[in-house]
């Protein structure tokens, strides 16, 4: 049995809630002009709403991402 956890896309509010509560690190992805998703950040979810997610980056800074144009991936 493979004990490695697989990445999971966070889409629903409950996904963000669980990731924030459990301190699960997430990576943040956005499309480039050619339509390819590129990693643009990562860290811990501090706050989320239906429109925006605030992530505390690995360097301690904070970034806000629009949920409509951003993909969030965590390991559960």
N, C-alpha and C. Protein backbone atom coordinates (compact mmCIF):
# COMPACT_ATOMS: atom_id res chain seq x y z
N UNK A 1 0.84 -1.19 0.00
CA UNK A 1 0.00 0.00 0.00
C UNK A 1 0.88 1.24 0.00
N UNK A 2 0.57 2.20 -0.87
CA UNK A 2 1.35 3.43 -0.99
C UNK A 2 0.93 4.39 0.12
N UNK A 3 1.89 4.79 0.95
CA UNK A 3 1.57 5.67 2.07
C UNK A 3 1.68 7.16 1.71
N UNK A 4 2.08 7.47 0.48
CA UNK A 4 2.20 8.87 0.06
C UNK A 4 0.81 9.47 -0.12
N UNK A 5 0.67 10.70 0.35
CA UNK A 5 -0.60 11.40 0.18
C UNK A 5 -0.58 12.10 -1.18
N UNK A 6 -1.73 12.11 -1.82
CA UNK A 6 -1.83 12.69 -3.15
C UNK A 6 -2.36 14.12 -3.07
N UNK A 7 -1.90 14.98 -3.99
CA UNK A 7 -2.40 16.35 -4.01
C UNK A 7 -3.90 16.38 -4.28
N UNK A 8 -4.56 17.35 -3.71
CA UNK A 8 -6.00 17.50 -3.89
C UNK A 8 -6.32 18.95 -4.22
N UNK A 9 -7.18 19.15 -5.20
CA UNK A 9 -7.61 20.49 -5.58
C UNK A 9 -8.66 20.96 -4.57
N UNK A 10 -8.46 22.16 -4.05
CA UNK A 10 -9.43 22.75 -3.12
C UNK A 10 -10.42 23.58 -3.92
N UNK A 11 -11.69 23.27 -3.80
CA UNK A 11 -12.71 23.99 -4.56
C UNK A 11 -13.85 24.50 -3.69
N UNK A 12 -14.30 23.68 -2.77
CA UNK A 12 -15.45 24.03 -1.94
C UNK A 12 -14.98 24.72 -0.67
N UNK A 13 -15.89 25.47 -0.04
CA UNK A 13 -15.56 26.13 1.22
C UNK A 13 -15.07 25.14 2.27
N UNK A 14 -15.67 23.95 2.31
CA UNK A 14 -15.26 22.95 3.30
C UNK A 14 -13.81 22.52 3.06
N UNK A 15 -13.38 22.46 1.79
CA UNK A 15 -11.99 22.11 1.48
C UNK A 15 -11.03 23.16 2.05
N UNK A 16 -11.37 24.43 1.87
CA UNK A 16 -10.53 25.52 2.40
C UNK A 16 -10.55 25.52 3.93
N UNK A 17 -11.73 25.26 4.51
CA UNK A 17 -11.86 25.23 5.97
C UNK A 17 -10.97 24.13 6.56
N UNK A 18 -11.04 22.94 6.00
CA UNK A 18 -10.23 21.83 6.51
C UNK A 18 -8.75 22.11 6.36
N UNK A 19 -8.34 22.65 5.21
CA UNK A 19 -6.92 22.97 4.99
C UNK A 19 -6.44 24.04 5.97
N UNK A 20 -7.27 25.05 6.21
CA UNK A 20 -6.89 26.11 7.14
C UNK A 20 -6.81 25.58 8.57
N UNK A 21 -7.80 24.81 8.98
CA UNK A 21 -7.86 24.28 10.34
C UNK A 21 -6.73 23.30 10.62
N UNK A 22 -6.40 22.49 9.64
CA UNK A 22 -5.38 21.46 9.84
C UNK A 22 -3.96 21.96 9.57
N UNK A 23 -3.84 23.18 9.05
CA UNK A 23 -2.51 23.72 8.74
C UNK A 23 -1.87 23.03 7.55
N UNK A 24 -2.69 22.57 6.63
CA UNK A 24 -2.19 21.90 5.44
C UNK A 24 -1.58 22.91 4.48
N UNK A 25 -0.33 22.73 4.09
CA UNK A 25 0.27 23.63 3.10
C UNK A 25 -0.44 23.50 1.75
N UNK A 26 -0.58 24.60 1.06
CA UNK A 26 -1.18 24.60 -0.27
C UNK A 26 -0.23 25.25 -1.26
N UNK A 27 -0.36 24.84 -2.50
CA UNK A 27 0.31 25.55 -3.59
C UNK A 27 -0.76 26.30 -4.36
N UNK A 28 -0.36 27.41 -4.97
CA UNK A 28 -1.28 28.31 -5.65
C UNK A 28 -0.88 28.37 -7.12
N UNK A 29 -1.86 28.18 -8.00
CA UNK A 29 -1.61 28.08 -9.44
C UNK A 29 -2.53 29.04 -10.19
N UNK A 30 -1.97 29.70 -11.22
CA UNK A 30 -2.77 30.55 -12.10
C UNK A 30 -2.33 30.31 -13.55
N UNK A 31 -3.26 30.57 -14.46
CA UNK A 31 -2.96 30.38 -15.87
C UNK A 31 -2.07 31.50 -16.40
N UNK A 32 -1.11 31.12 -17.25
CA UNK A 32 -0.31 32.13 -17.93
C UNK A 32 -1.05 32.53 -19.21
N UNK A 33 -0.51 33.48 -19.98
CA UNK A 33 -1.23 33.94 -21.18
C UNK A 33 -1.51 32.84 -22.21
N UNK A 34 -0.77 31.74 -22.17
CA UNK A 34 -1.00 30.65 -23.13
C UNK A 34 -1.98 29.61 -22.59
N UNK A 35 -2.50 29.80 -21.36
CA UNK A 35 -3.47 28.89 -20.79
C UNK A 35 -2.89 27.75 -19.99
N UNK A 36 -1.59 27.82 -19.71
CA UNK A 36 -0.91 26.79 -18.92
C UNK A 36 -0.87 27.23 -17.47
N UNK A 37 -1.25 26.32 -16.55
CA UNK A 37 -1.20 26.65 -15.13
C UNK A 37 0.24 26.63 -14.64
N UNK A 38 0.63 27.69 -13.91
CA UNK A 38 1.97 27.83 -13.34
C UNK A 38 1.83 28.09 -11.85
N UNK A 39 2.75 27.56 -11.08
CA UNK A 39 2.73 27.79 -9.63
C UNK A 39 3.16 29.22 -9.36
N UNK A 40 2.32 29.96 -8.62
CA UNK A 40 2.60 31.37 -8.34
C UNK A 40 2.81 31.64 -6.85
N UNK A 41 2.63 30.64 -6.01
CA UNK A 41 2.81 30.85 -4.59
C UNK A 41 2.47 29.61 -3.80
N UNK A 42 2.53 29.76 -2.49
CA UNK A 42 2.20 28.66 -1.62
C UNK A 42 2.40 29.02 -0.17
N UNK A 43 1.75 28.29 0.69
CA UNK A 43 1.86 28.52 2.12
C UNK A 43 0.64 27.96 2.83
N UNK A 44 0.22 28.67 3.88
CA UNK A 44 -0.92 28.24 4.69
C UNK A 44 -2.10 29.18 4.50
N UNK A 45 -3.28 28.63 4.43
CA UNK A 45 -4.49 29.44 4.28
C UNK A 45 -4.79 30.11 5.62
N UNK A 46 -4.91 31.43 5.59
CA UNK A 46 -5.25 32.19 6.80
C UNK A 46 -6.71 32.61 6.82
N UNK A 47 -7.27 32.87 5.64
CA UNK A 47 -8.64 33.37 5.55
C UNK A 47 -9.16 33.02 4.17
N UNK A 48 -10.47 32.79 4.08
CA UNK A 48 -11.08 32.59 2.77
C UNK A 48 -12.51 33.08 2.80
N UNK A 49 -12.98 33.49 1.64
CA UNK A 49 -14.38 33.84 1.44
C UNK A 49 -14.80 33.20 0.12
N UNK A 50 -15.99 33.51 -0.33
CA UNK A 50 -16.43 32.96 -1.62
C UNK A 50 -15.64 33.55 -2.78
N UNK A 51 -15.00 34.69 -2.57
CA UNK A 51 -14.28 35.37 -3.64
C UNK A 51 -12.76 35.31 -3.53
N UNK A 52 -12.22 35.32 -2.30
CA UNK A 52 -10.78 35.52 -2.09
C UNK A 52 -10.23 34.53 -1.07
N UNK A 53 -8.96 34.16 -1.27
CA UNK A 53 -8.23 33.34 -0.30
C UNK A 53 -6.96 34.09 0.08
N UNK A 54 -6.71 34.22 1.40
CA UNK A 54 -5.46 34.84 1.86
C UNK A 54 -4.53 33.72 2.30
N UNK A 55 -3.32 33.74 1.75
CA UNK A 55 -2.31 32.73 2.04
C UNK A 55 -1.12 33.40 2.71
N UNK A 56 -0.66 32.81 3.82
CA UNK A 56 0.59 33.25 4.44
C UNK A 56 1.69 32.45 3.75
N UNK A 57 2.51 33.16 2.99
CA UNK A 57 3.56 32.53 2.20
C UNK A 57 4.65 31.97 3.10
N UNK A 58 5.49 31.12 2.53
CA UNK A 58 6.56 30.49 3.29
C UNK A 58 7.53 31.50 3.88
N UNK A 59 7.62 32.70 3.28
CA UNK A 59 8.52 33.73 3.81
C UNK A 59 7.84 34.63 4.84
N UNK A 60 6.57 34.32 5.16
CA UNK A 60 5.83 35.09 6.17
C UNK A 60 4.97 36.19 5.60
N UNK A 61 5.18 36.57 4.34
CA UNK A 61 4.34 37.59 3.73
C UNK A 61 2.96 37.00 3.44
N UNK A 62 2.01 37.87 3.11
CA UNK A 62 0.64 37.43 2.84
C UNK A 62 0.24 37.82 1.43
N UNK A 63 -0.49 36.94 0.78
CA UNK A 63 -0.99 37.20 -0.57
C UNK A 63 -2.47 36.89 -0.62
N UNK A 64 -3.19 37.65 -1.43
CA UNK A 64 -4.61 37.43 -1.64
C UNK A 64 -4.81 36.96 -3.07
N UNK A 65 -5.63 35.92 -3.24
CA UNK A 65 -5.87 35.35 -4.55
C UNK A 65 -7.36 35.26 -4.82
N UNK A 66 -7.76 35.64 -6.02
CA UNK A 66 -9.15 35.56 -6.46
C UNK A 66 -9.48 34.10 -6.78
N UNK A 67 -10.49 33.56 -6.14
CA UNK A 67 -10.85 32.15 -6.34
C UNK A 67 -11.29 31.85 -7.76
N UNK A 68 -11.82 32.85 -8.48
CA UNK A 68 -12.30 32.62 -9.84
C UNK A 68 -11.18 32.32 -10.83
N UNK A 69 -9.98 32.80 -10.57
CA UNK A 69 -8.88 32.64 -11.54
C UNK A 69 -7.69 31.89 -10.97
N UNK A 70 -7.87 31.27 -9.82
CA UNK A 70 -6.75 30.61 -9.13
C UNK A 70 -7.14 29.19 -8.76
N UNK A 71 -6.16 28.29 -8.86
CA UNK A 71 -6.35 26.91 -8.42
C UNK A 71 -5.49 26.70 -7.18
N UNK A 72 -6.05 26.07 -6.18
CA UNK A 72 -5.35 25.79 -4.92
C UNK A 72 -5.23 24.28 -4.78
N UNK A 73 -4.03 23.84 -4.44
CA UNK A 73 -3.78 22.41 -4.32
C UNK A 73 -3.15 22.13 -2.97
N UNK A 74 -3.70 21.18 -2.25
CA UNK A 74 -3.16 20.80 -0.94
C UNK A 74 -2.97 19.30 -0.87
N UNK A 75 -2.27 18.85 0.15
CA UNK A 75 -2.08 17.43 0.36
C UNK A 75 -2.90 17.04 1.58
N UNK A 76 -3.85 16.13 1.37
CA UNK A 76 -4.72 15.67 2.48
C UNK A 76 -4.47 14.23 2.74
